[in-house]
N, C-alpha and C. Protein backbone atom coordinates (compact mmCIF):
# COMPACT_ATOMS: atom_id res chain seq x y z
N MET A 1 30.38 -18.99 -13.06
CA MET A 1 29.77 -17.84 -12.44
C MET A 1 30.15 -16.59 -13.23
N GLU A 2 29.14 -15.78 -13.60
CA GLU A 2 29.40 -14.58 -14.38
C GLU A 2 29.07 -13.35 -13.55
N GLU A 3 29.92 -12.35 -13.59
CA GLU A 3 29.71 -11.12 -12.84
C GLU A 3 28.72 -10.22 -13.56
N MET A 4 27.84 -9.56 -12.80
CA MET A 4 26.92 -8.55 -13.34
C MET A 4 27.00 -7.34 -12.41
N ALA A 5 28.03 -6.52 -12.57
CA ALA A 5 28.27 -5.37 -11.68
C ALA A 5 28.25 -5.86 -10.24
N SER A 6 27.26 -5.46 -9.45
CA SER A 6 27.23 -5.92 -8.07
C SER A 6 26.37 -7.17 -7.92
N PHE A 7 25.70 -7.60 -8.99
CA PHE A 7 24.90 -8.81 -8.97
C PHE A 7 25.64 -9.89 -9.75
N PHE A 8 25.37 -11.14 -9.41
CA PHE A 8 25.95 -12.23 -10.19
C PHE A 8 24.98 -13.40 -10.17
N HIS A 9 25.18 -14.32 -11.08
CA HIS A 9 24.32 -15.50 -11.10
C HIS A 9 25.17 -16.75 -11.10
N ALA A 10 24.57 -17.82 -10.60
CA ALA A 10 25.27 -19.11 -10.54
C ALA A 10 24.28 -20.20 -10.90
N TYR A 11 24.77 -21.18 -11.65
CA TYR A 11 23.94 -22.33 -11.99
C TYR A 11 23.93 -23.29 -10.81
N CYS A 12 22.82 -23.96 -10.65
CA CYS A 12 22.68 -24.94 -9.58
C CYS A 12 23.66 -26.10 -9.82
N PRO A 13 24.44 -26.48 -8.82
CA PRO A 13 25.40 -27.57 -9.02
C PRO A 13 24.69 -28.89 -9.34
N GLU A 14 25.35 -29.73 -10.11
CA GLU A 14 24.79 -31.03 -10.44
C GLU A 14 24.61 -31.84 -9.16
N GLY A 15 23.51 -32.58 -9.12
CA GLY A 15 23.22 -33.41 -7.96
C GLY A 15 22.40 -32.70 -6.89
N VAL A 16 22.27 -31.37 -6.97
CA VAL A 16 21.47 -30.62 -6.01
C VAL A 16 20.07 -30.48 -6.60
N ASN A 17 19.07 -30.89 -5.83
CA ASN A 17 17.68 -30.80 -6.27
C ASN A 17 17.13 -29.42 -5.91
N SER A 18 16.81 -28.63 -6.92
CA SER A 18 16.34 -27.26 -6.68
C SER A 18 15.27 -26.90 -7.69
N LYS A 19 14.38 -26.04 -7.27
CA LYS A 19 13.35 -25.50 -8.16
C LYS A 19 14.00 -24.65 -9.26
N TYR A 20 15.14 -24.04 -8.93
CA TYR A 20 15.80 -23.12 -9.85
C TYR A 20 17.03 -23.75 -10.50
N ARG A 21 17.15 -23.51 -11.78
CA ARG A 21 18.32 -23.96 -12.55
C ARG A 21 19.45 -22.94 -12.39
N LEU A 22 19.07 -21.67 -12.21
CA LEU A 22 20.03 -20.57 -12.08
C LEU A 22 19.49 -19.63 -11.00
N ILE A 23 20.36 -19.11 -10.16
CA ILE A 23 19.95 -18.18 -9.10
C ILE A 23 20.76 -16.90 -9.24
N ILE A 24 20.09 -15.77 -9.14
CA ILE A 24 20.76 -14.47 -9.17
C ILE A 24 20.99 -14.05 -7.72
N PHE A 25 22.21 -13.58 -7.43
CA PHE A 25 22.56 -13.12 -6.09
C PHE A 25 22.84 -11.63 -6.13
N ASP A 26 22.52 -10.95 -5.02
CA ASP A 26 22.84 -9.53 -4.95
C ASP A 26 24.26 -9.37 -4.42
N ASP A 27 24.66 -8.13 -4.17
CA ASP A 27 26.03 -7.86 -3.74
C ASP A 27 26.34 -8.39 -2.34
N LYS A 28 25.30 -8.74 -1.58
CA LYS A 28 25.52 -9.33 -0.25
C LYS A 28 25.46 -10.86 -0.31
N LYS A 29 25.48 -11.38 -1.53
CA LYS A 29 25.47 -12.82 -1.79
C LYS A 29 24.20 -13.50 -1.26
N GLU A 30 23.10 -12.75 -1.28
CA GLU A 30 21.80 -13.30 -0.92
C GLU A 30 21.01 -13.49 -2.20
N PRO A 31 20.19 -14.55 -2.28
CA PRO A 31 19.39 -14.76 -3.50
C PRO A 31 18.50 -13.56 -3.78
N PHE A 32 18.48 -13.14 -5.03
CA PHE A 32 17.66 -12.02 -5.46
C PHE A 32 16.52 -12.60 -6.30
N ILE A 33 15.41 -12.86 -5.64
CA ILE A 33 14.31 -13.62 -6.22
C ILE A 33 13.63 -12.93 -7.41
N PRO A 34 13.44 -11.61 -7.44
CA PRO A 34 12.76 -11.03 -8.60
C PRO A 34 13.43 -11.38 -9.93
N LEU A 35 14.75 -11.22 -10.00
CA LEU A 35 15.44 -11.55 -11.26
C LEU A 35 15.54 -13.06 -11.47
N THR A 36 15.63 -13.83 -10.39
CA THR A 36 15.65 -15.29 -10.52
C THR A 36 14.34 -15.78 -11.12
N GLU A 37 13.23 -15.26 -10.61
CA GLU A 37 11.91 -15.63 -11.16
C GLU A 37 11.79 -15.19 -12.62
N PHE A 38 12.31 -14.01 -12.92
CA PHE A 38 12.27 -13.53 -14.30
C PHE A 38 13.01 -14.50 -15.22
N TYR A 39 14.19 -14.91 -14.81
CA TYR A 39 14.97 -15.84 -15.62
C TYR A 39 14.17 -17.11 -15.91
N HIS A 40 13.60 -17.68 -14.88
CA HIS A 40 12.88 -18.95 -15.05
C HIS A 40 11.57 -18.77 -15.79
N GLY A 41 10.97 -17.60 -15.69
CA GLY A 41 9.75 -17.33 -16.46
C GLY A 41 10.04 -17.20 -17.95
N GLN A 42 11.22 -16.68 -18.29
CA GLN A 42 11.57 -16.45 -19.69
C GLN A 42 12.33 -17.62 -20.31
N PHE A 43 12.91 -18.48 -19.50
CA PHE A 43 13.79 -19.55 -19.98
C PHE A 43 13.10 -20.46 -21.01
N ASN A 44 11.84 -20.80 -20.79
CA ASN A 44 11.13 -21.69 -21.71
C ASN A 44 10.56 -20.95 -22.92
N ARG A 45 10.60 -19.63 -22.90
CA ARG A 45 10.00 -18.84 -23.98
C ARG A 45 11.03 -18.40 -25.02
N ILE A 46 12.22 -18.05 -24.55
CA ILE A 46 13.27 -17.57 -25.45
C ILE A 46 14.58 -18.28 -25.12
N SER A 47 15.57 -18.09 -25.92
CA SER A 47 16.85 -18.78 -25.70
C SER A 47 17.51 -18.29 -24.41
N GLU A 48 18.34 -19.15 -23.85
CA GLU A 48 19.02 -18.81 -22.60
C GLU A 48 19.94 -17.61 -22.77
N SER A 49 20.61 -17.51 -23.91
CA SER A 49 21.52 -16.38 -24.12
C SER A 49 20.74 -15.06 -24.14
N SER A 50 19.51 -15.08 -24.70
CA SER A 50 18.68 -13.87 -24.71
C SER A 50 18.24 -13.50 -23.30
N VAL A 51 17.91 -14.51 -22.50
CA VAL A 51 17.50 -14.23 -21.12
C VAL A 51 18.66 -13.61 -20.34
N ILE A 52 19.87 -14.11 -20.55
CA ILE A 52 21.05 -13.56 -19.87
C ILE A 52 21.27 -12.10 -20.29
N VAL A 53 21.06 -11.81 -21.57
CA VAL A 53 21.19 -10.43 -22.04
C VAL A 53 20.16 -9.54 -21.33
N TYR A 54 18.92 -10.04 -21.20
CA TYR A 54 17.89 -9.28 -20.49
C TYR A 54 18.29 -9.07 -19.03
N LEU A 55 18.81 -10.11 -18.39
CA LEU A 55 19.25 -9.96 -17.00
C LEU A 55 20.31 -8.87 -16.87
N ASN A 56 21.26 -8.89 -17.79
CA ASN A 56 22.32 -7.88 -17.75
C ASN A 56 21.77 -6.47 -18.00
N THR A 57 20.69 -6.38 -18.73
CA THR A 57 20.06 -5.09 -19.00
C THR A 57 19.25 -4.62 -17.80
N LEU A 58 18.58 -5.56 -17.12
CA LEU A 58 17.74 -5.19 -15.98
C LEU A 58 18.55 -4.91 -14.71
N GLU A 59 19.73 -5.47 -14.64
CA GLU A 59 20.54 -5.34 -13.43
C GLU A 59 20.77 -3.90 -12.99
N PRO A 60 21.12 -2.96 -13.89
CA PRO A 60 21.32 -1.57 -13.43
C PRO A 60 20.07 -0.96 -12.80
N PHE A 61 18.90 -1.33 -13.34
CA PHE A 61 17.66 -0.81 -12.77
C PHE A 61 17.47 -1.32 -11.35
N PHE A 62 17.66 -2.61 -11.14
CA PHE A 62 17.50 -3.17 -9.80
C PHE A 62 18.58 -2.64 -8.85
N TYR A 63 19.77 -2.43 -9.38
CA TYR A 63 20.82 -1.83 -8.56
C TYR A 63 20.41 -0.42 -8.14
N TRP A 64 19.85 0.34 -9.08
CA TRP A 64 19.37 1.69 -8.76
C TRP A 64 18.28 1.63 -7.70
N LEU A 65 17.33 0.72 -7.86
CA LEU A 65 16.26 0.59 -6.87
C LEU A 65 16.83 0.33 -5.48
N LYS A 66 17.85 -0.49 -5.45
CA LYS A 66 18.39 -0.89 -4.15
C LYS A 66 19.26 0.20 -3.52
N TYR A 67 20.10 0.86 -4.32
CA TYR A 67 21.08 1.79 -3.73
C TYR A 67 20.82 3.26 -4.02
N SER A 68 20.57 3.62 -5.23
CA SER A 68 20.37 5.03 -5.55
C SER A 68 19.10 5.56 -4.89
N SER A 69 18.05 4.73 -4.88
CA SER A 69 16.81 5.17 -4.24
C SER A 69 17.02 5.30 -2.73
N LEU A 70 17.83 4.43 -2.14
CA LEU A 70 18.13 4.54 -0.71
C LEU A 70 18.86 5.84 -0.43
N GLU A 71 19.88 6.12 -1.21
CA GLU A 71 20.66 7.34 -1.02
C GLU A 71 19.80 8.59 -1.22
N LEU A 72 19.02 8.59 -2.27
CA LEU A 72 18.16 9.75 -2.57
C LEU A 72 17.09 9.92 -1.50
N GLY A 73 16.51 8.81 -1.05
CA GLY A 73 15.48 8.87 -0.02
C GLY A 73 16.02 9.39 1.30
N VAL A 74 17.19 8.91 1.69
CA VAL A 74 17.81 9.36 2.94
C VAL A 74 18.13 10.85 2.85
N LYS A 75 18.65 11.30 1.70
CA LYS A 75 18.94 12.74 1.53
C LYS A 75 17.67 13.56 1.64
N ALA A 76 16.59 13.07 1.03
CA ALA A 76 15.31 13.80 1.07
C ALA A 76 14.80 13.89 2.51
N ILE A 77 14.86 12.79 3.25
CA ILE A 77 14.40 12.78 4.64
C ILE A 77 15.25 13.73 5.48
N ASP A 78 16.56 13.65 5.34
CA ASP A 78 17.45 14.52 6.12
C ASP A 78 17.23 15.99 5.77
N THR A 79 16.98 16.29 4.50
CA THR A 79 16.72 17.67 4.08
C THR A 79 15.41 18.17 4.71
N LEU A 80 14.39 17.35 4.70
CA LEU A 80 13.11 17.74 5.30
C LEU A 80 13.28 18.01 6.80
N ILE A 81 14.07 17.19 7.47
CA ILE A 81 14.30 17.38 8.90
C ILE A 81 15.03 18.70 9.13
N LYS A 82 16.07 18.99 8.33
CA LYS A 82 16.82 20.25 8.47
C LYS A 82 15.93 21.46 8.24
N GLU A 83 14.98 21.32 7.28
CA GLU A 83 14.07 22.43 6.98
C GLU A 83 12.91 22.51 7.96
N GLY A 84 12.80 21.54 8.86
CA GLY A 84 11.73 21.54 9.86
C GLY A 84 10.38 21.22 9.27
N LYS A 85 10.36 20.47 8.18
CA LYS A 85 9.10 20.13 7.52
C LYS A 85 8.65 18.72 7.90
N THR A 86 7.40 18.44 7.61
CA THR A 86 6.82 17.14 7.90
C THR A 86 7.48 16.06 7.06
N VAL A 87 7.77 14.93 7.68
CA VAL A 87 8.34 13.78 6.97
C VAL A 87 7.21 12.76 6.76
N SER A 88 6.71 12.70 5.54
CA SER A 88 5.66 11.74 5.18
C SER A 88 6.05 11.12 3.85
N TYR A 89 5.33 10.08 3.45
CA TYR A 89 5.64 9.44 2.17
C TYR A 89 5.59 10.47 1.03
N ARG A 90 4.58 11.30 1.04
CA ARG A 90 4.42 12.27 -0.04
C ARG A 90 5.52 13.33 -0.02
N THR A 91 5.83 13.88 1.17
CA THR A 91 6.84 14.94 1.22
C THR A 91 8.22 14.41 0.86
N VAL A 92 8.52 13.17 1.27
CA VAL A 92 9.82 12.57 0.92
C VAL A 92 9.89 12.38 -0.59
N SER A 93 8.82 11.87 -1.19
CA SER A 93 8.79 11.67 -2.64
C SER A 93 8.96 13.00 -3.38
N ASP A 94 8.23 14.02 -2.94
CA ASP A 94 8.32 15.34 -3.59
C ASP A 94 9.72 15.95 -3.43
N LYS A 95 10.28 15.85 -2.23
CA LYS A 95 11.60 16.43 -1.98
C LYS A 95 12.67 15.70 -2.79
N SER A 96 12.50 14.37 -2.95
CA SER A 96 13.49 13.61 -3.73
C SER A 96 13.50 14.07 -5.18
N LYS A 97 12.35 14.47 -5.70
CA LYS A 97 12.28 14.99 -7.08
C LYS A 97 13.00 16.33 -7.19
N GLU A 98 12.91 17.13 -6.12
CA GLU A 98 13.60 18.43 -6.12
C GLU A 98 15.11 18.27 -6.10
N ILE A 99 15.62 17.33 -5.31
CA ILE A 99 17.07 17.22 -5.15
C ILE A 99 17.72 16.26 -6.14
N ASP A 100 16.92 15.47 -6.85
CA ASP A 100 17.45 14.54 -7.85
C ASP A 100 17.93 15.34 -9.06
N PRO A 101 19.20 15.19 -9.47
CA PRO A 101 19.70 15.93 -10.63
C PRO A 101 18.89 15.66 -11.91
N ASP A 102 18.35 14.45 -12.03
CA ASP A 102 17.53 14.11 -13.20
C ASP A 102 16.09 14.55 -13.03
N GLY A 103 15.70 14.95 -11.82
CA GLY A 103 14.34 15.40 -11.56
C GLY A 103 13.33 14.27 -11.46
N ILE A 104 13.79 13.03 -11.38
CA ILE A 104 12.89 11.88 -11.34
C ILE A 104 12.45 11.58 -9.91
N GLY A 105 13.38 11.54 -9.00
CA GLY A 105 13.06 11.26 -7.61
C GLY A 105 12.65 9.82 -7.40
N ILE A 106 12.02 9.57 -6.27
CA ILE A 106 11.55 8.22 -5.96
C ILE A 106 10.06 8.25 -5.69
N HIS A 107 9.41 7.13 -5.92
CA HIS A 107 7.98 7.00 -5.71
C HIS A 107 7.73 6.64 -4.25
N GLN A 108 6.53 6.93 -3.76
CA GLN A 108 6.18 6.60 -2.39
C GLN A 108 6.30 5.10 -2.12
N ASN A 109 5.95 4.27 -3.10
CA ASN A 109 6.05 2.82 -2.91
C ASN A 109 7.49 2.36 -2.77
N THR A 110 8.42 3.08 -3.38
CA THR A 110 9.83 2.73 -3.25
C THR A 110 10.26 2.87 -1.79
N ILE A 111 9.74 3.86 -1.10
CA ILE A 111 10.05 4.06 0.32
C ILE A 111 9.55 2.86 1.12
N ARG A 112 8.37 2.38 0.77
CA ARG A 112 7.79 1.24 1.50
C ARG A 112 8.52 -0.06 1.19
N LYS A 113 8.97 -0.24 -0.05
CA LYS A 113 9.52 -1.53 -0.47
C LYS A 113 11.01 -1.67 -0.22
N ASN A 114 11.75 -0.57 -0.14
CA ASN A 114 13.18 -0.63 0.16
C ASN A 114 13.32 -0.68 1.68
N GLN A 115 13.66 -1.85 2.21
CA GLN A 115 13.65 -2.09 3.65
C GLN A 115 14.52 -1.09 4.42
N GLU A 116 15.73 -0.84 3.95
CA GLU A 116 16.62 0.09 4.66
C GLU A 116 16.04 1.51 4.66
N LEU A 117 15.53 1.92 3.51
CA LEU A 117 14.94 3.26 3.40
C LEU A 117 13.69 3.36 4.27
N HIS A 118 12.88 2.32 4.26
CA HIS A 118 11.65 2.33 5.06
C HIS A 118 11.98 2.42 6.55
N ASN A 119 12.99 1.69 7.00
CA ASN A 119 13.39 1.79 8.41
C ASN A 119 13.85 3.20 8.77
N HIS A 120 14.63 3.81 7.88
CA HIS A 120 15.09 5.19 8.11
C HIS A 120 13.88 6.14 8.14
N PHE A 121 12.94 5.92 7.23
CA PHE A 121 11.73 6.74 7.18
C PHE A 121 10.94 6.62 8.49
N LEU A 122 10.76 5.39 8.97
CA LEU A 122 9.97 5.18 10.19
C LEU A 122 10.63 5.84 11.41
N GLN A 123 11.95 5.90 11.42
CA GLN A 123 12.64 6.55 12.53
C GLN A 123 12.37 8.05 12.56
N HIS A 124 12.16 8.65 11.40
CA HIS A 124 12.05 10.11 11.32
C HIS A 124 10.66 10.61 10.91
N SER A 125 9.73 9.72 10.67
CA SER A 125 8.40 10.12 10.24
C SER A 125 7.72 10.98 11.29
N THR A 126 7.10 12.06 10.84
CA THR A 126 6.41 12.96 11.78
C THR A 126 4.89 12.86 11.61
N THR A 127 4.44 11.94 10.81
CA THR A 127 2.99 11.78 10.62
C THR A 127 2.48 10.71 11.58
N LYS A 128 1.21 10.79 11.88
CA LYS A 128 0.60 9.84 12.79
C LYS A 128 0.39 8.51 12.10
N ALA A 129 0.53 7.45 12.85
CA ALA A 129 0.22 6.13 12.30
C ALA A 129 -1.29 5.99 12.18
N TYR A 130 -1.73 5.30 11.16
CA TYR A 130 -3.16 5.12 10.93
C TYR A 130 -3.74 4.22 12.00
N ARG A 131 -4.78 4.69 12.65
CA ARG A 131 -5.50 3.88 13.62
C ARG A 131 -6.99 3.96 13.27
N PRO A 132 -7.57 2.83 12.93
CA PRO A 132 -8.99 2.88 12.56
C PRO A 132 -9.86 3.29 13.75
N ARG A 133 -10.94 3.97 13.43
CA ARG A 133 -11.87 4.38 14.48
C ARG A 133 -12.53 3.16 15.11
N LYS A 134 -12.88 3.33 16.37
CA LYS A 134 -13.60 2.24 17.03
C LYS A 134 -15.04 2.25 16.53
N ARG A 135 -15.53 1.07 16.25
CA ARG A 135 -16.91 0.95 15.79
C ARG A 135 -17.85 0.96 16.99
N SER A 136 -18.98 1.58 16.77
CA SER A 136 -19.99 1.56 17.82
C SER A 136 -21.07 0.56 17.39
N TYR A 137 -21.17 -0.50 18.14
CA TYR A 137 -22.17 -1.51 17.84
C TYR A 137 -23.38 -1.28 18.72
N LYS A 138 -24.52 -1.12 18.07
CA LYS A 138 -25.77 -0.93 18.79
C LYS A 138 -26.72 -2.03 18.37
N ALA A 139 -27.49 -2.49 19.30
CA ALA A 139 -28.49 -3.49 18.96
C ALA A 139 -29.50 -2.88 18.00
N LEU A 140 -29.86 -3.62 16.96
CA LEU A 140 -30.72 -3.06 15.91
C LEU A 140 -32.12 -2.76 16.41
N ASP A 141 -32.71 -3.65 17.18
CA ASP A 141 -34.11 -3.48 17.58
C ASP A 141 -34.28 -2.47 18.70
N ASN A 142 -33.24 -2.24 19.48
CA ASN A 142 -33.36 -1.37 20.65
C ASN A 142 -33.52 0.10 20.31
N ASP A 143 -32.97 0.56 19.19
CA ASP A 143 -33.00 2.00 18.92
C ASP A 143 -33.88 2.35 17.72
N LEU A 144 -34.83 1.49 17.38
CA LEU A 144 -35.71 1.82 16.26
C LEU A 144 -36.61 3.01 16.58
N ASP A 145 -36.87 3.23 17.87
CA ASP A 145 -37.69 4.38 18.26
C ASP A 145 -37.01 5.70 17.94
N ALA A 146 -35.69 5.70 17.80
CA ALA A 146 -34.96 6.93 17.50
C ALA A 146 -35.39 7.51 16.16
N PHE A 147 -35.82 6.67 15.23
CA PHE A 147 -36.23 7.16 13.91
C PHE A 147 -37.62 7.78 13.91
N LYS A 148 -38.39 7.57 14.97
CA LYS A 148 -39.73 8.15 15.05
C LYS A 148 -39.66 9.66 15.19
N HIS A 149 -38.56 10.17 15.69
CA HIS A 149 -38.42 11.60 15.97
C HIS A 149 -37.88 12.39 14.78
N ILE A 150 -37.60 11.76 13.67
CA ILE A 150 -37.07 12.46 12.50
C ILE A 150 -38.19 13.28 11.86
N LYS A 151 -37.89 14.56 11.63
CA LYS A 151 -38.89 15.46 11.05
C LYS A 151 -38.65 15.60 9.56
N GLN A 152 -39.72 15.76 8.82
CA GLN A 152 -39.62 15.86 7.37
C GLN A 152 -39.02 17.19 6.92
N ASP A 153 -39.20 18.25 7.68
CA ASP A 153 -38.72 19.58 7.28
C ASP A 153 -37.37 19.92 7.90
N ARG A 154 -36.53 18.92 8.19
CA ARG A 154 -35.21 19.16 8.79
C ARG A 154 -34.24 19.72 7.75
N ASP A 155 -33.13 20.28 8.21
CA ASP A 155 -32.10 20.87 7.35
C ASP A 155 -31.28 19.75 6.71
N ILE A 156 -31.53 19.49 5.45
CA ILE A 156 -30.90 18.37 4.74
C ILE A 156 -29.38 18.57 4.60
N ASP A 157 -28.93 19.81 4.39
CA ASP A 157 -27.48 20.06 4.28
C ASP A 157 -26.76 19.70 5.58
N ARG A 158 -27.39 20.02 6.70
CA ARG A 158 -26.79 19.68 7.99
C ARG A 158 -26.76 18.17 8.20
N VAL A 159 -27.81 17.49 7.78
CA VAL A 159 -27.86 16.02 7.88
C VAL A 159 -26.77 15.41 7.01
N ARG A 160 -26.60 15.96 5.80
CA ARG A 160 -25.56 15.46 4.89
C ARG A 160 -24.17 15.64 5.51
N GLN A 161 -23.93 16.80 6.12
CA GLN A 161 -22.64 17.03 6.78
C GLN A 161 -22.40 16.02 7.90
N ARG A 162 -23.46 15.74 8.67
CA ARG A 162 -23.32 14.78 9.77
C ARG A 162 -23.00 13.39 9.23
N TYR A 163 -23.64 12.98 8.13
CA TYR A 163 -23.38 11.67 7.54
C TYR A 163 -21.98 11.60 6.93
N MET A 164 -21.48 12.70 6.41
CA MET A 164 -20.14 12.71 5.81
C MET A 164 -19.05 12.50 6.88
N GLN A 165 -19.35 12.77 8.13
CA GLN A 165 -18.39 12.57 9.21
C GLN A 165 -18.30 11.11 9.65
N LEU A 166 -19.26 10.29 9.23
CA LEU A 166 -19.29 8.89 9.65
C LEU A 166 -18.37 8.04 8.78
N THR A 167 -17.88 6.96 9.37
CA THR A 167 -17.07 6.00 8.61
C THR A 167 -18.01 5.08 7.84
N LYS A 168 -17.44 4.32 6.90
CA LYS A 168 -18.26 3.38 6.14
C LYS A 168 -18.99 2.39 7.05
N PRO A 169 -18.30 1.76 8.00
CA PRO A 169 -19.02 0.82 8.87
C PRO A 169 -20.16 1.49 9.65
N GLU A 170 -19.95 2.74 10.09
CA GLU A 170 -21.02 3.44 10.80
C GLU A 170 -22.19 3.73 9.88
N LEU A 171 -21.91 4.10 8.62
CA LEU A 171 -22.98 4.33 7.66
C LEU A 171 -23.75 3.04 7.36
N VAL A 172 -23.02 1.94 7.24
CA VAL A 172 -23.67 0.65 6.99
C VAL A 172 -24.58 0.29 8.15
N ASP A 173 -24.10 0.47 9.38
CA ASP A 173 -24.94 0.19 10.56
C ASP A 173 -26.19 1.06 10.57
N LEU A 174 -26.02 2.33 10.27
CA LEU A 174 -27.15 3.25 10.24
C LEU A 174 -28.15 2.84 9.16
N LEU A 175 -27.66 2.49 7.99
CA LEU A 175 -28.54 2.07 6.89
C LEU A 175 -29.32 0.80 7.26
N ILE A 176 -28.64 -0.14 7.89
CA ILE A 176 -29.32 -1.38 8.31
C ILE A 176 -30.40 -1.07 9.34
N ARG A 177 -30.09 -0.19 10.30
CA ARG A 177 -31.10 0.17 11.31
C ARG A 177 -32.29 0.86 10.67
N MET A 178 -32.02 1.73 9.68
CA MET A 178 -33.14 2.40 8.99
C MET A 178 -33.99 1.41 8.23
N GLU A 179 -33.34 0.46 7.55
CA GLU A 179 -34.10 -0.57 6.83
C GLU A 179 -34.93 -1.40 7.80
N GLN A 180 -34.35 -1.72 8.95
CA GLN A 180 -35.11 -2.47 9.95
C GLN A 180 -36.32 -1.67 10.41
N TYR A 181 -36.14 -0.37 10.58
CA TYR A 181 -37.24 0.48 11.00
C TYR A 181 -38.34 0.50 9.93
N ILE A 182 -37.93 0.63 8.68
CA ILE A 182 -38.92 0.64 7.58
C ILE A 182 -39.65 -0.70 7.53
N ALA A 183 -38.91 -1.80 7.67
CA ALA A 183 -39.54 -3.12 7.65
C ALA A 183 -40.52 -3.26 8.81
N TYR A 184 -40.13 -2.77 9.98
CA TYR A 184 -41.01 -2.82 11.15
C TYR A 184 -42.27 -1.99 10.90
N GLN A 185 -42.11 -0.79 10.35
CA GLN A 185 -43.26 0.08 10.07
C GLN A 185 -44.18 -0.53 9.02
N ASN A 186 -43.59 -1.15 7.99
CA ASN A 186 -44.41 -1.81 6.96
C ASN A 186 -45.22 -2.95 7.58
N GLN A 187 -44.60 -3.72 8.42
CA GLN A 187 -45.29 -4.84 9.08
C GLN A 187 -46.41 -4.31 9.96
N TYR A 188 -46.10 -3.23 10.71
CA TYR A 188 -47.11 -2.63 11.59
C TYR A 188 -48.29 -2.09 10.77
N TRP A 189 -47.99 -1.43 9.64
CA TRP A 189 -49.04 -0.88 8.77
C TRP A 189 -49.92 -1.99 8.21
N LEU A 190 -49.30 -3.09 7.75
CA LEU A 190 -50.05 -4.21 7.20
C LEU A 190 -50.99 -4.81 8.25
N LYS A 191 -50.48 -4.97 9.46
CA LYS A 191 -51.33 -5.53 10.53
C LYS A 191 -52.51 -4.64 10.80
N SER A 192 -52.24 -3.33 10.92
CA SER A 192 -53.32 -2.40 11.25
C SER A 192 -54.31 -2.24 10.09
N GLU A 193 -53.84 -2.41 8.86
CA GLU A 193 -54.69 -2.25 7.68
C GLU A 193 -55.68 -3.40 7.53
N PHE A 194 -55.27 -4.60 7.89
CA PHE A 194 -56.12 -5.76 7.68
C PHE A 194 -56.79 -6.27 8.94
N GLU A 195 -56.75 -5.52 10.02
CA GLU A 195 -57.45 -5.92 11.23
C GLU A 195 -58.83 -5.31 11.28
């Protein structure tokens, strides 16, 4: 077993049937799958000693992701709370860049992927959780008469504004109803033309 700062790796004992020949553990002695997968992905491509060198090089980065980003994220959240500002993924990321001595900060995805940081964020988040709008389902054939009342000289800018307020599913429903109306009108015109 070789030490790698707070991470270490161990070879699978003889007689144990495992997918992995070597497993990397974090400081809590839990398997750390990203580096374990990296080792096994590189093992057949380059020499084992080179892969171990790469592991030792990548370890500080993963350690930073796990601990420094947690510390920086918590400081950013606590600072935002003290300043009475909104706690959102973007504001935490921006504030972390301000307080980071290197000016790098943390990315919004780091907040989501670091479980401890994400839990702290959820406890203090002041933004609303995303809730999709309820869809309004209307029977297609029942409201085709509604399109008969559309005037050609209507205010197009106002119509555009009204359509911009709709969600994609609502726009799709409206488009399908309009197509049904056009198909109905074409059928009606053909019947009347050839009778």
